[in-house]
N, C-alpha and C. Protein backbone atom coordinates (compact mmCIF):
# COMPACT_ATOMS: atom_id res chain seq x y z
N MET A 1 88.53 -102.20 -71.52
CA MET A 1 88.92 -103.56 -71.76
C MET A 1 87.76 -104.50 -71.49
N PRO A 2 87.24 -105.20 -72.49
CA PRO A 2 86.17 -106.15 -72.23
C PRO A 2 86.69 -107.30 -71.39
N GLY A 3 85.88 -107.72 -70.43
CA GLY A 3 86.26 -108.85 -69.61
C GLY A 3 87.32 -108.55 -68.57
N ASN A 4 87.57 -107.28 -68.31
CA ASN A 4 88.58 -106.91 -67.33
C ASN A 4 88.10 -107.33 -65.95
N THR A 5 88.84 -108.25 -65.32
CA THR A 5 88.43 -108.74 -64.01
C THR A 5 89.25 -108.13 -62.89
N SER A 6 90.13 -107.19 -63.22
CA SER A 6 91.00 -106.61 -62.21
C SER A 6 90.23 -105.70 -61.25
N ARG A 7 89.10 -105.14 -61.70
CA ARG A 7 88.34 -104.24 -60.84
C ARG A 7 86.86 -104.57 -60.94
N ARG A 8 86.33 -105.15 -59.91
CA ARG A 8 84.91 -105.49 -59.88
C ARG A 8 84.19 -104.51 -58.97
N TYR A 9 83.03 -104.12 -59.38
CA TYR A 9 82.21 -103.23 -58.58
C TYR A 9 81.13 -104.05 -57.89
N PRO A 10 80.83 -103.74 -56.63
CA PRO A 10 79.78 -104.49 -55.92
C PRO A 10 78.41 -104.22 -56.53
N PRO A 11 77.51 -105.19 -56.45
CA PRO A 11 76.17 -105.03 -57.01
C PRO A 11 75.42 -103.82 -56.44
N GLU A 12 75.70 -103.49 -55.17
CA GLU A 12 75.02 -102.34 -54.56
C GLU A 12 75.40 -101.04 -55.27
N LEU A 13 76.67 -100.93 -55.66
CA LEU A 13 77.14 -99.73 -56.36
C LEU A 13 76.49 -99.65 -57.74
N LYS A 14 76.39 -100.79 -58.42
CA LYS A 14 75.76 -100.81 -59.74
C LYS A 14 74.30 -100.37 -59.64
N ALA A 15 73.58 -100.92 -58.66
CA ALA A 15 72.17 -100.56 -58.48
C ALA A 15 72.03 -99.07 -58.15
N ARG A 16 72.94 -98.58 -57.32
CA ARG A 16 72.90 -97.16 -56.95
C ARG A 16 73.15 -96.28 -58.18
N ALA A 17 74.10 -96.69 -59.02
CA ALA A 17 74.40 -95.93 -60.23
C ALA A 17 73.18 -95.87 -61.15
N VAL A 18 72.50 -96.99 -61.30
CA VAL A 18 71.30 -97.03 -62.15
C VAL A 18 70.22 -96.11 -61.58
N ARG A 19 70.01 -96.17 -60.27
CA ARG A 19 69.01 -95.30 -59.64
C ARG A 19 69.38 -93.83 -59.82
N MET A 20 70.67 -93.51 -59.60
CA MET A 20 71.11 -92.13 -59.75
C MET A 20 70.89 -91.65 -61.18
N PHE A 21 71.22 -92.50 -62.15
CA PHE A 21 71.03 -92.13 -63.56
C PHE A 21 69.57 -91.79 -63.82
N GLU A 22 68.67 -92.66 -63.34
CA GLU A 22 67.24 -92.43 -63.57
C GLU A 22 66.78 -91.13 -62.91
N GLU A 23 67.35 -90.79 -61.75
CA GLU A 23 66.96 -89.58 -61.04
C GLU A 23 67.47 -88.30 -61.71
N ILE A 24 68.70 -88.35 -62.26
CA ILE A 24 69.28 -87.12 -62.81
C ILE A 24 69.18 -87.02 -64.33
N ARG A 25 68.64 -88.02 -64.99
CA ARG A 25 68.58 -88.02 -66.45
C ARG A 25 67.88 -86.78 -66.98
N ALA A 26 66.79 -86.39 -66.37
CA ALA A 26 66.01 -85.24 -66.86
C ALA A 26 66.77 -83.92 -66.77
N ASP A 27 67.78 -83.86 -65.92
CA ASP A 27 68.56 -82.63 -65.74
C ASP A 27 69.67 -82.46 -66.78
N HIS A 28 69.84 -83.44 -67.66
CA HIS A 28 70.93 -83.39 -68.65
C HIS A 28 70.38 -83.47 -70.07
N ALA A 29 71.15 -82.94 -70.99
CA ALA A 29 70.72 -82.91 -72.39
C ALA A 29 70.74 -84.31 -73.02
N THR A 30 71.69 -85.15 -72.60
CA THR A 30 71.80 -86.49 -73.18
C THR A 30 71.99 -87.53 -72.08
N ASP A 31 71.72 -88.78 -72.44
CA ASP A 31 71.98 -89.90 -71.53
C ASP A 31 73.46 -89.92 -71.17
N TRP A 32 74.30 -89.70 -72.18
CA TRP A 32 75.74 -89.79 -71.99
C TRP A 32 76.24 -88.80 -70.92
N GLU A 33 75.71 -87.58 -70.95
CA GLU A 33 76.10 -86.58 -69.94
C GLU A 33 75.70 -87.06 -68.55
N ALA A 34 74.48 -87.56 -68.42
CA ALA A 34 74.01 -88.05 -67.12
C ALA A 34 74.87 -89.22 -66.64
N MET A 35 75.22 -90.12 -67.54
CA MET A 35 76.05 -91.27 -67.18
C MET A 35 77.44 -90.81 -66.76
N GLY A 36 77.97 -89.81 -67.44
CA GLY A 36 79.27 -89.26 -67.07
C GLY A 36 79.25 -88.66 -65.68
N GLN A 37 78.19 -87.96 -65.36
CA GLN A 37 78.10 -87.37 -64.03
C GLN A 37 77.97 -88.44 -62.95
N VAL A 38 77.18 -89.46 -63.22
CA VAL A 38 77.04 -90.56 -62.25
C VAL A 38 78.39 -91.23 -62.03
N ALA A 39 79.10 -91.49 -63.11
CA ALA A 39 80.42 -92.13 -63.00
C ALA A 39 81.35 -91.27 -62.15
N GLN A 40 81.34 -89.98 -62.40
CA GLN A 40 82.20 -89.07 -61.65
C GLN A 40 81.82 -89.03 -60.17
N LEU A 41 80.54 -88.95 -59.88
CA LEU A 41 80.07 -88.86 -58.50
C LEU A 41 80.37 -90.13 -57.69
N LEU A 42 80.30 -91.28 -58.36
CA LEU A 42 80.50 -92.55 -57.65
C LEU A 42 81.93 -93.07 -57.75
N GLY A 43 82.77 -92.39 -58.51
CA GLY A 43 84.15 -92.84 -58.64
C GLY A 43 84.33 -94.06 -59.54
N VAL A 44 83.41 -94.20 -60.49
CA VAL A 44 83.49 -95.30 -61.46
C VAL A 44 84.44 -94.85 -62.55
N SER A 45 85.24 -95.77 -63.05
CA SER A 45 86.31 -95.41 -63.99
C SER A 45 85.84 -94.66 -65.23
N THR A 46 84.75 -95.12 -65.87
CA THR A 46 84.28 -94.45 -67.08
C THR A 46 82.76 -94.40 -67.15
N ALA A 47 82.26 -93.50 -67.95
CA ALA A 47 80.82 -93.41 -68.17
C ALA A 47 80.33 -94.65 -68.94
N GLU A 48 81.20 -95.26 -69.72
CA GLU A 48 80.84 -96.47 -70.46
C GLU A 48 80.44 -97.59 -69.51
N THR A 49 81.11 -97.68 -68.39
CA THR A 49 80.77 -98.69 -67.39
C THR A 49 79.36 -98.46 -66.88
N VAL A 50 79.04 -97.23 -66.57
CA VAL A 50 77.69 -96.88 -66.10
C VAL A 50 76.68 -97.15 -67.21
N ARG A 51 77.03 -96.84 -68.45
CA ARG A 51 76.12 -97.08 -69.58
C ARG A 51 75.76 -98.56 -69.66
N LYS A 52 76.74 -99.43 -69.51
CA LYS A 52 76.49 -100.88 -69.56
C LYS A 52 75.55 -101.31 -68.44
N TRP A 53 75.78 -100.78 -67.24
CA TRP A 53 74.91 -101.12 -66.12
C TRP A 53 73.48 -100.66 -66.36
N VAL A 54 73.34 -99.44 -66.87
CA VAL A 54 72.00 -98.89 -67.11
C VAL A 54 71.30 -99.70 -68.20
N ARG A 55 72.00 -100.00 -69.28
CA ARG A 55 71.38 -100.77 -70.37
C ARG A 55 70.97 -102.16 -69.89
N GLN A 56 71.82 -102.81 -69.09
CA GLN A 56 71.48 -104.14 -68.58
C GLN A 56 70.28 -104.07 -67.65
N ALA A 57 70.20 -103.03 -66.83
CA ALA A 57 69.05 -102.85 -65.94
C ALA A 57 67.78 -102.67 -66.77
N GLN A 58 67.88 -101.93 -67.87
CA GLN A 58 66.72 -101.73 -68.74
C GLN A 58 66.28 -103.05 -69.38
N VAL A 59 67.23 -103.88 -69.77
CA VAL A 59 66.91 -105.19 -70.33
C VAL A 59 66.23 -106.05 -69.26
N ASP A 60 66.79 -106.05 -68.05
CA ASP A 60 66.23 -106.85 -66.96
C ASP A 60 64.82 -106.41 -66.60
N GLN A 61 64.52 -105.12 -66.75
CA GLN A 61 63.19 -104.59 -66.44
C GLN A 61 62.21 -104.77 -67.61
N GLY A 62 62.70 -105.21 -68.75
CA GLY A 62 61.85 -105.41 -69.92
C GLY A 62 61.65 -104.17 -70.76
N ALA A 63 62.38 -103.11 -70.44
CA ALA A 63 62.24 -101.87 -71.18
C ALA A 63 63.10 -101.85 -72.44
N ARG A 64 63.98 -102.80 -72.58
CA ARG A 64 64.89 -102.86 -73.72
C ARG A 64 65.05 -104.33 -74.12
N VAL A 65 65.22 -104.57 -75.40
CA VAL A 65 65.39 -105.93 -75.90
C VAL A 65 66.81 -106.40 -75.62
N GLY A 66 66.95 -107.66 -75.20
CA GLY A 66 68.27 -108.22 -74.97
C GLY A 66 68.20 -109.41 -74.04
N VAL A 67 69.35 -109.93 -73.70
CA VAL A 67 69.46 -111.09 -72.82
C VAL A 67 69.50 -110.60 -71.38
N THR A 68 68.55 -111.06 -70.57
CA THR A 68 68.49 -110.64 -69.18
C THR A 68 69.64 -111.25 -68.38
N SER A 69 69.91 -110.67 -67.24
CA SER A 69 70.96 -111.19 -66.36
C SER A 69 70.65 -112.62 -65.95
N GLU A 70 69.38 -112.89 -65.70
CA GLU A 70 68.95 -114.23 -65.30
C GLU A 70 69.21 -115.24 -66.41
N GLU A 71 68.87 -114.87 -67.64
CA GLU A 71 69.10 -115.77 -68.78
C GLU A 71 70.59 -115.99 -68.99
N SER A 72 71.36 -114.94 -68.84
CA SER A 72 72.81 -115.05 -69.01
C SER A 72 73.41 -115.98 -67.96
N ALA A 73 72.96 -115.86 -66.72
CA ALA A 73 73.44 -116.73 -65.64
C ALA A 73 73.07 -118.19 -65.91
N GLU A 74 71.86 -118.41 -66.44
CA GLU A 74 71.42 -119.77 -66.75
C GLU A 74 72.26 -120.37 -67.86
N VAL A 75 72.56 -119.60 -68.90
CA VAL A 75 73.40 -120.09 -69.99
C VAL A 75 74.79 -120.45 -69.46
N LYS A 76 75.33 -119.60 -68.60
CA LYS A 76 76.65 -119.84 -68.01
C LYS A 76 76.64 -121.14 -67.20
N ARG A 77 75.58 -121.34 -66.40
CA ARG A 77 75.46 -122.54 -65.59
C ARG A 77 75.36 -123.78 -66.47
N LEU A 78 74.58 -123.69 -67.53
CA LEU A 78 74.41 -124.83 -68.44
C LEU A 78 75.71 -125.15 -69.17
N LYS A 79 76.48 -124.13 -69.54
CA LYS A 79 77.76 -124.38 -70.20
C LYS A 79 78.72 -125.11 -69.27
N ARG A 80 78.73 -124.71 -67.99
CA ARG A 80 79.57 -125.42 -67.01
C ARG A 80 79.13 -126.87 -66.87
N GLU A 81 77.82 -127.09 -66.83
CA GLU A 81 77.28 -128.43 -66.70
C GLU A 81 77.64 -129.29 -67.90
N VAL A 82 77.53 -128.74 -69.10
CA VAL A 82 77.89 -129.47 -70.32
C VAL A 82 79.37 -129.85 -70.29
N ALA A 83 80.23 -128.91 -69.88
CA ALA A 83 81.67 -129.20 -69.82
C ALA A 83 81.94 -130.33 -68.83
N GLU A 84 81.26 -130.31 -67.69
CA GLU A 84 81.43 -131.35 -66.68
C GLU A 84 80.97 -132.71 -67.21
N LEU A 85 79.84 -132.72 -67.91
CA LEU A 85 79.34 -133.97 -68.49
C LEU A 85 80.27 -134.50 -69.58
N ARG A 86 80.85 -133.61 -70.36
CA ARG A 86 81.80 -134.05 -71.39
C ARG A 86 83.03 -134.68 -70.76
N ARG A 87 83.52 -134.08 -69.65
CA ARG A 87 84.67 -134.67 -68.96
C ARG A 87 84.31 -136.05 -68.41
N ALA A 88 83.13 -136.17 -67.84
CA ALA A 88 82.69 -137.47 -67.30
C ALA A 88 82.56 -138.49 -68.42
N ASN A 89 82.02 -138.10 -69.56
CA ASN A 89 81.91 -139.03 -70.70
C ASN A 89 83.27 -139.47 -71.20
N ALA A 90 84.22 -138.57 -71.23
CA ALA A 90 85.57 -138.93 -71.68
C ALA A 90 86.19 -139.95 -70.72
N ILE A 91 85.99 -139.75 -69.44
CA ILE A 91 86.52 -140.70 -68.44
C ILE A 91 85.84 -142.06 -68.62
N LEU A 92 84.53 -142.06 -68.80
CA LEU A 92 83.81 -143.32 -68.98
C LEU A 92 84.22 -144.04 -70.27
N ARG A 93 84.46 -143.27 -71.34
CA ARG A 93 84.93 -143.88 -72.59
C ARG A 93 86.29 -144.54 -72.40
N SER A 94 87.18 -143.85 -71.71
CA SER A 94 88.51 -144.41 -71.45
C SER A 94 88.42 -145.67 -70.60
N ALA A 95 87.59 -145.62 -69.57
CA ALA A 95 87.43 -146.78 -68.70
C ALA A 95 86.81 -147.94 -69.48
N SER A 96 85.84 -147.65 -70.31
CA SER A 96 85.19 -148.68 -71.12
C SER A 96 86.20 -149.34 -72.06
N ALA A 97 87.03 -148.54 -72.71
CA ALA A 97 88.04 -149.07 -73.63
C ALA A 97 89.05 -149.92 -72.86
N PHE A 98 89.43 -149.47 -71.68
CA PHE A 98 90.39 -150.22 -70.86
C PHE A 98 89.82 -151.59 -70.50
N PHE A 99 88.59 -151.62 -70.00
CA PHE A 99 88.01 -152.89 -69.58
C PHE A 99 87.69 -153.79 -70.76
N ALA A 100 87.34 -153.22 -71.90
CA ALA A 100 87.10 -154.03 -73.11
C ALA A 100 88.40 -154.68 -73.54
N ALA A 101 89.51 -153.97 -73.45
CA ALA A 101 90.82 -154.54 -73.80
C ALA A 101 91.19 -155.65 -72.83
N GLU A 102 90.86 -155.50 -71.56
CA GLU A 102 91.14 -156.52 -70.55
C GLU A 102 90.35 -157.79 -70.84
N LEU A 103 89.12 -157.66 -71.30
CA LEU A 103 88.30 -158.83 -71.61
C LEU A 103 88.80 -159.58 -72.84
N ASP A 104 89.41 -158.84 -73.77
CA ASP A 104 89.90 -159.47 -75.00
C ASP A 104 91.23 -160.19 -74.80
N ARG A 105 91.93 -159.92 -73.72
CA ARG A 105 93.21 -160.59 -73.48
C ARG A 105 92.97 -162.03 -73.07
N PRO A 106 93.82 -162.90 -73.60
CA PRO A 106 93.68 -164.31 -73.19
C PRO A 106 94.12 -164.45 -71.72
N SER A 107 93.39 -165.24 -70.97
CA SER A 107 93.74 -165.42 -69.56
C SER A 107 94.77 -166.54 -69.44
N ARG A 108 95.64 -166.47 -68.48
CA ARG A 108 96.69 -167.47 -68.30
C ARG A 108 96.29 -168.54 -67.37
């Protein structure tokens, strides 16, 4: 399940899985077999989870093309900031319209 937040693995486990994969890769015929063994040894639900961690580590190290974890975190932070600024602009627009309407009313 993409985006499954019910089970999060600690960063230490992810780093350990990547290290284990790199250590045992030569002993297996394919990457997939090595990832399966790492998943089994560490109690990770599937080899696909380990594959994602390994691929992301390779991107972060520059060995594979893709979006690094750092870049992804920056994009996420910027999206939050944009959403916050949009909310602030909406509030300011409403306040501006309210006060403009108050100025247009005839005073008694």
